[in-house]
C-alpha atoms as a PDB file:
ATOM      1  CA  UNK A   1      45.590  10.874 -11.815  1.00  0.00           C
ATOM      2  CA  UNK A   2      45.163  10.502  -8.044  1.00  0.00           C
ATOM      3  CA  UNK A   3      42.763  13.495  -7.976  1.00  0.00           C
ATOM      4  CA  UNK A   4      40.630  11.953 -10.732  1.00  0.00           C
ATOM      5  CA  UNK A   5      40.472   8.621  -8.876  1.00  0.00           C
ATOM      6  CA  UNK A   6      39.563  10.404  -5.623  1.00  0.00           C
ATOM      7  CA  UNK A   7      36.800  12.379  -7.383  1.00  0.00           C
ATOM      8  CA  UNK A   8      35.315   9.185  -8.861  1.00  0.00           C
ATOM      9  CA  UNK A   9      35.386   7.387  -5.495  1.00  0.00           C
ATOM     10  CA  UNK A  10      33.795  10.406  -3.797  1.00  0.00           C
ATOM     11  CA  UNK A  11      31.041  10.651  -6.431  1.00  0.00           C
ATOM     12  CA  UNK A  12      30.253   6.924  -6.200  1.00  0.00           C
ATOM     13  CA  UNK A  13      30.150   7.122  -2.407  1.00  0.00           C
ATOM     14  CA  UNK A  14      27.703  10.032  -2.519  1.00  0.00           C
ATOM     15  CA  UNK A  15      25.417   8.169  -4.947  1.00  0.00           C
ATOM     16  CA  UNK A  16      25.532   5.022  -2.802  1.00  0.00           C
ATOM     17  CA  UNK A  17      24.724   6.932   0.381  1.00  0.00           C
ATOM     18  CA  UNK A  18      21.836   8.812  -1.200  1.00  0.00           C
ATOM     19  CA  UNK A  19      20.338   5.571  -2.529  1.00  0.00           C
ATOM     20  CA  UNK A  20      20.698   3.603   0.701  1.00  0.00           C
ATOM     21  CA  UNK A  21      19.873   6.153   3.352  1.00  0.00           C
ATOM     22  CA  UNK A  22      16.464   7.257   4.386  1.00  0.00           C
ATOM     23  CA  UNK A  23      15.658  10.145   6.647  1.00  0.00           C
ATOM     24  CA  UNK A  24      13.029   9.416   9.297  1.00  0.00           C
ATOM     25  CA  UNK A  25      10.580  11.727   7.484  1.00  0.00           C
ATOM     26  CA  UNK A  26      10.830   9.614   4.327  1.00  0.00           C
ATOM     27  CA  UNK A  27       9.192   6.622   6.046  1.00  0.00           C
ATOM     28  CA  UNK A  28       6.723   8.379   8.322  1.00  0.00           C
ATOM     29  CA  UNK A  29       3.792   7.473   6.063  1.00  0.00           C
ATOM     30  CA  UNK A  30       4.610   3.780   6.637  1.00  0.00           C
ATOM     31  CA  UNK A  31       4.186   3.963  10.421  1.00  0.00           C
ATOM     32  CA  UNK A  32       1.385   1.787  11.756  1.00  0.00           C
ATOM     33  CA  UNK A  33       0.027  -1.742  11.880  1.00  0.00           C
ATOM     34  CA  UNK A  34      -0.302  -4.054   8.882  1.00  0.00           C
ATOM     35  CA  UNK A  35      -2.050  -7.414   8.989  1.00  0.00           C
ATOM     36  CA  UNK A  36      -2.086 -10.384   6.663  1.00  0.00           C
ATOM     37  CA  UNK A  37      -4.285 -13.435   7.191  1.00  0.00           C
ATOM     38  CA  UNK A  38      -3.224 -16.316   5.006  1.00  0.00           C
ATOM     39  CA  UNK A  39      -6.157 -17.955   3.296  1.00  0.00           C
ATOM     40  CA  UNK A  40      -7.052 -20.965   5.398  1.00  0.00           C
ATOM     41  CA  UNK A  41      -6.776 -24.364   3.815  1.00  0.00           C
ATOM     42  CA  UNK A  42      -8.824 -27.297   4.987  1.00  0.00           C
ATOM     43  CA  UNK A  43      -7.093 -29.859   7.182  1.00  0.00           C
ATOM     44  CA  UNK A  44      -9.078 -32.942   6.361  1.00  0.00           C
ATOM     45  CA  UNK A  45     -12.753 -32.220   6.967  1.00  0.00           C
ATOM     46  CA  UNK A  46     -12.575 -30.834  10.514  1.00  0.00           C
ATOM     47  CA  UNK A  47     -10.623 -27.601  10.935  1.00  0.00           C
ATOM     48  CA  UNK A  48      -9.348 -24.715   8.925  1.00  0.00           C
ATOM     49  CA  UNK A  49      -5.661 -23.938   9.437  1.00  0.00           C
ATOM     50  CA  UNK A  50      -4.779 -20.254   9.482  1.00  0.00           C
ATOM     51  CA  UNK A  51      -1.701 -18.115   9.807  1.00  0.00           C
ATOM     52  CA  UNK A  52      -1.791 -14.478  10.945  1.00  0.00           C
ATOM     53  CA  UNK A  53       1.015 -12.029  10.206  1.00  0.00           C
ATOM     54  CA  UNK A  54       1.129  -8.767  12.180  1.00  0.00           C
ATOM     55  CA  UNK A  55       3.654  -6.073  11.207  1.00  0.00           C
ATOM     56  CA  UNK A  56       4.126  -2.899  13.232  1.00  0.00           C
ATOM     57  CA  UNK A  57       6.354  -0.193  11.735  1.00  0.00           C
ATOM     58  CA  UNK A  58       7.570   2.515  14.112  1.00  0.00           C
ATOM     59  CA  UNK A  59      10.238   5.195  14.431  1.00  0.00           C
ATOM     60  CA  UNK A  60      12.765   4.697  17.224  1.00  0.00           C
ATOM     61  CA  UNK A  61      15.761   6.957  17.881  1.00  0.00           C
ATOM     62  CA  UNK A  62      15.919   8.338  14.342  1.00  0.00           C
ATOM     63  CA  UNK A  63      15.496   5.058  12.467  1.00  0.00           C
ATOM     64  CA  UNK A  64      12.570   2.859  11.535  1.00  0.00           C
ATOM     65  CA  UNK A  65      12.039  -0.591  12.969  1.00  0.00           C
ATOM     66  CA  UNK A  66       9.492  -3.320  12.571  1.00  0.00           C
ATOM     67  CA  UNK A  67       8.012  -5.930  14.852  1.00  0.00           C
ATOM     68  CA  UNK A  68       6.724  -8.912  12.871  1.00  0.00           C
ATOM     69  CA  UNK A  69       4.540 -11.478  14.600  1.00  0.00           C
ATOM     70  CA  UNK A  70       3.560 -14.721  12.877  1.00  0.00           C
ATOM     71  CA  UNK A  71       1.036 -16.860  14.660  1.00  0.00           C
ATOM     72  CA  UNK A  72      -0.897 -19.916  13.614  1.00  0.00           C
ATOM     73  CA  UNK A  73      -0.376 -23.558  12.712  1.00  0.00           C
ATOM     74  CA  UNK A  74       2.654 -24.714  14.779  1.00  0.00           C
ATOM     75  CA  UNK A  75       4.048 -21.153  14.693  1.00  0.00           C
ATOM     76  CA  UNK A  76       4.192 -18.423  17.328  1.00  0.00           C
ATOM     77  CA  UNK A  77       7.135 -16.026  16.854  1.00  0.00           C
ATOM     78  CA  UNK A  78       7.916 -12.340  16.931  1.00  0.00           C
ATOM     79  CA  UNK A  79      10.823 -10.965  14.921  1.00  0.00           C
ATOM     80  CA  UNK A  80      12.538  -7.607  15.229  1.00  0.00           C
ATOM     81  CA  UNK A  81      13.934  -5.941  12.136  1.00  0.00           C
ATOM     82  CA  UNK A  82      14.887  -2.732  10.393  1.00  0.00           C
ATOM     83  CA  UNK A  83      12.651  -0.941   7.919  1.00  0.00           C
ATOM     84  CA  UNK A  84      14.520   0.619   5.011  1.00  0.00           C
ATOM     85  CA  UNK A  85      13.274   2.266   1.855  1.00  0.00           C
ATOM     86  CA  UNK A  86      11.421   5.379   0.794  1.00  0.00           C
ATOM     87  CA  UNK A  87       7.887   6.746   0.487  1.00  0.00           C
ATOM     88  CA  UNK A  88       7.012   4.254  -2.282  1.00  0.00           C
ATOM     89  CA  UNK A  89       8.449   1.009  -0.906  1.00  0.00           C
ATOM     90  CA  UNK A  90      10.021  -0.443   2.212  1.00  0.00           C
ATOM     91  CA  UNK A  91      11.849  -3.664   3.004  1.00  0.00           C
ATOM     92  CA  UNK A  92      11.822  -5.611   6.255  1.00  0.00           C
ATOM     93  CA  UNK A  93      15.401  -6.561   7.172  1.00  0.00           C
ATOM     94  CA  UNK A  94      15.610  -9.330   9.800  1.00  0.00           C
ATOM     95  CA  UNK A  95      17.611  -8.554  12.940  1.00  0.00           C
ATOM     96  CA  UNK A  96      16.616 -11.165  15.538  1.00  0.00           C
ATOM     97  CA  UNK A  97      13.909 -13.379  16.963  1.00  0.00           C
ATOM     98  CA  UNK A  98      12.356 -11.601  19.956  1.00  0.00           C
ATOM     99  CA  UNK A  99       9.881 -14.249  21.099  1.00  0.00           C
ATOM    100  CA  UNK A 100       9.734 -17.920  20.181  1.00  0.00           C
ATOM    101  CA  UNK A 101      12.236 -20.136  18.473  1.00  0.00           C
ATOM    102  CA  UNK A 102      13.198 -19.788  14.868  1.00  0.00           C
ATOM    103  CA  UNK A 103      16.383 -20.574  13.011  1.00  0.00           C
ATOM    104  CA  UNK A 104      14.967 -19.870   9.572  1.00  0.00           C
ATOM    105  CA  UNK A 105      16.402 -16.402   9.010  1.00  0.00           C
ATOM    106  CA  UNK A 106      19.849 -14.854   9.401  1.00  0.00           C
ATOM    107  CA  UNK A 107      20.576 -11.292  10.483  1.00  0.00           C
ATOM    108  CA  UNK A 108      20.458  -9.082   7.395  1.00  0.00           C
ATOM    109  CA  UNK A 109      17.990 -11.244   5.429  1.00  0.00           C
ATOM    110  CA  UNK A 110      15.370  -9.244   3.535  1.00  0.00           C
ATOM    111  CA  UNK A 111      12.138 -11.029   4.428  1.00  0.00           C
ATOM    112  CA  UNK A 112       9.843  -9.057   2.104  1.00  0.00           C
ATOM    113  CA  UNK A 113       9.247  -5.693   0.481  1.00  0.00           C
ATOM    114  CA  UNK A 114       6.032  -3.687   0.589  1.00  0.00           C
ATOM    115  CA  UNK A 115       5.307  -1.514  -2.447  1.00  0.00           C
ATOM    116  CA  UNK A 116       2.684   1.224  -2.292  1.00  0.00           C
ATOM    117  CA  UNK A 117       0.140   0.898  -5.125  1.00  0.00           C
ATOM    118  CA  UNK A 118      -2.523   3.598  -4.670  1.00  0.00           C
ATOM    119  CA  UNK A 119      -4.332   2.532  -1.465  1.00  0.00           C
ATOM    120  CA  UNK A 120      -2.979  -1.026  -1.491  1.00  0.00           C
ATOM    121  CA  UNK A 121       0.340  -2.620  -0.657  1.00  0.00           C
ATOM    122  CA  UNK A 122       1.964  -5.206  -2.900  1.00  0.00           C
ATOM    123  CA  UNK A 123       4.061  -7.709  -0.948  1.00  0.00           C
ATOM    124  CA  UNK A 124       7.126  -8.991  -2.782  1.00  0.00           C
ATOM    125  CA  UNK A 125       8.278 -12.061  -0.910  1.00  0.00           C
ATOM    126  CA  UNK A 126      12.023 -12.553  -0.471  1.00  0.00           C
ATOM    127  CA  UNK A 127      13.392 -14.853   2.266  1.00  0.00           C
ATOM    128  CA  UNK A 128       9.993 -15.150   3.995  1.00  0.00           C
ATOM    129  CA  UNK A 129       6.990 -16.652   2.220  1.00  0.00           C
ATOM    130  CA  UNK A 130       3.424 -17.577   3.097  1.00  0.00           C
ATOM    131  CA  UNK A 131       3.461 -20.845   5.031  1.00  0.00           C
ATOM    132  CA  UNK A 132       0.153 -22.447   4.121  1.00  0.00           C
ATOM    133  CA  UNK A 133       0.337 -22.350   0.331  1.00  0.00           C
ATOM    134  CA  UNK A 134       2.035 -25.164  -1.559  1.00  0.00           C
ATOM    135  CA  UNK A 135       3.161 -22.790  -4.322  1.00  0.00           C
ATOM    136  CA  UNK A 136       3.220 -19.287  -2.808  1.00  0.00           C
ATOM    137  CA  UNK A 137       3.190 -16.390  -5.288  1.00  0.00           C
ATOM    138  CA  UNK A 138       6.281 -14.207  -5.652  1.00  0.00           C
ATOM    139  CA  UNK A 139       4.083 -11.218  -4.880  1.00  0.00           C
ATOM    140  CA  UNK A 140       0.545 -10.550  -3.720  1.00  0.00           C
ATOM    141  CA  UNK A 141      -1.738  -7.924  -2.232  1.00  0.00           C
ATOM    142  CA  UNK A 142      -1.328  -9.439   1.243  1.00  0.00           C
ATOM    143  CA  UNK A 143      -0.819  -6.861   4.004  1.00  0.00           C
ATOM    144  CA  UNK A 144      -3.560  -4.363   4.832  1.00  0.00           C
ATOM    145  CA  UNK A 145      -2.874  -1.265   6.917  1.00  0.00           C
ATOM    146  CA  UNK A 146      -5.191  -1.374   9.915  1.00  0.00           C
ATOM    147  CA  UNK A 147      -4.053   1.231  12.466  1.00  0.00           C
ATOM    148  CA  UNK A 148      -2.085   4.347  11.632  1.00  0.00           C
ATOM    149  CA  UNK A 149      -0.012   5.262  14.700  1.00  0.00           C
ATOM    150  CA  UNK A 150       0.901   2.128  16.594  1.00  0.00           C
ATOM    151  CA  UNK A 151       4.176   1.706  18.463  1.00  0.00           C
ATOM    152  CA  UNK A 152       5.857  -1.426  19.783  1.00  0.00           C
ATOM    153  CA  UNK A 153       3.942  -3.354  22.410  1.00  0.00           C
ATOM    154  CA  UNK A 154       0.564  -1.795  21.546  1.00  0.00           C
END
């Protein structure tokens, strides 16, 4: 009985590890810079308000990380997070605020997921959402890859 229980626990652990782990090579195709410019909305009749999102995915010491900058209307922050997933989709997991002040997210929050769809990337919003839309969509074709091999601070 104990051997059967041990075998089941071992099998479940192996399945869990294989689903949750990603080797650095699995995410290499995601390295680079991604940008999203929220559609500006008119503020009265004078100015257009805009919000720019800048995501840089890079490999660091055997794991993948992301630097996410959000700049625009009353916002100027840079977040640091982990990138987890596989060749088809990755999620941005919030770690900390690097620059600016923000108490919106908690460590471990999944801010969004990017899903590869041919040459486009579908953004599935989780904890983060576009800031300028009254009713933001649950997913959109938001981020565009703009520079292939960009590391942090570049």
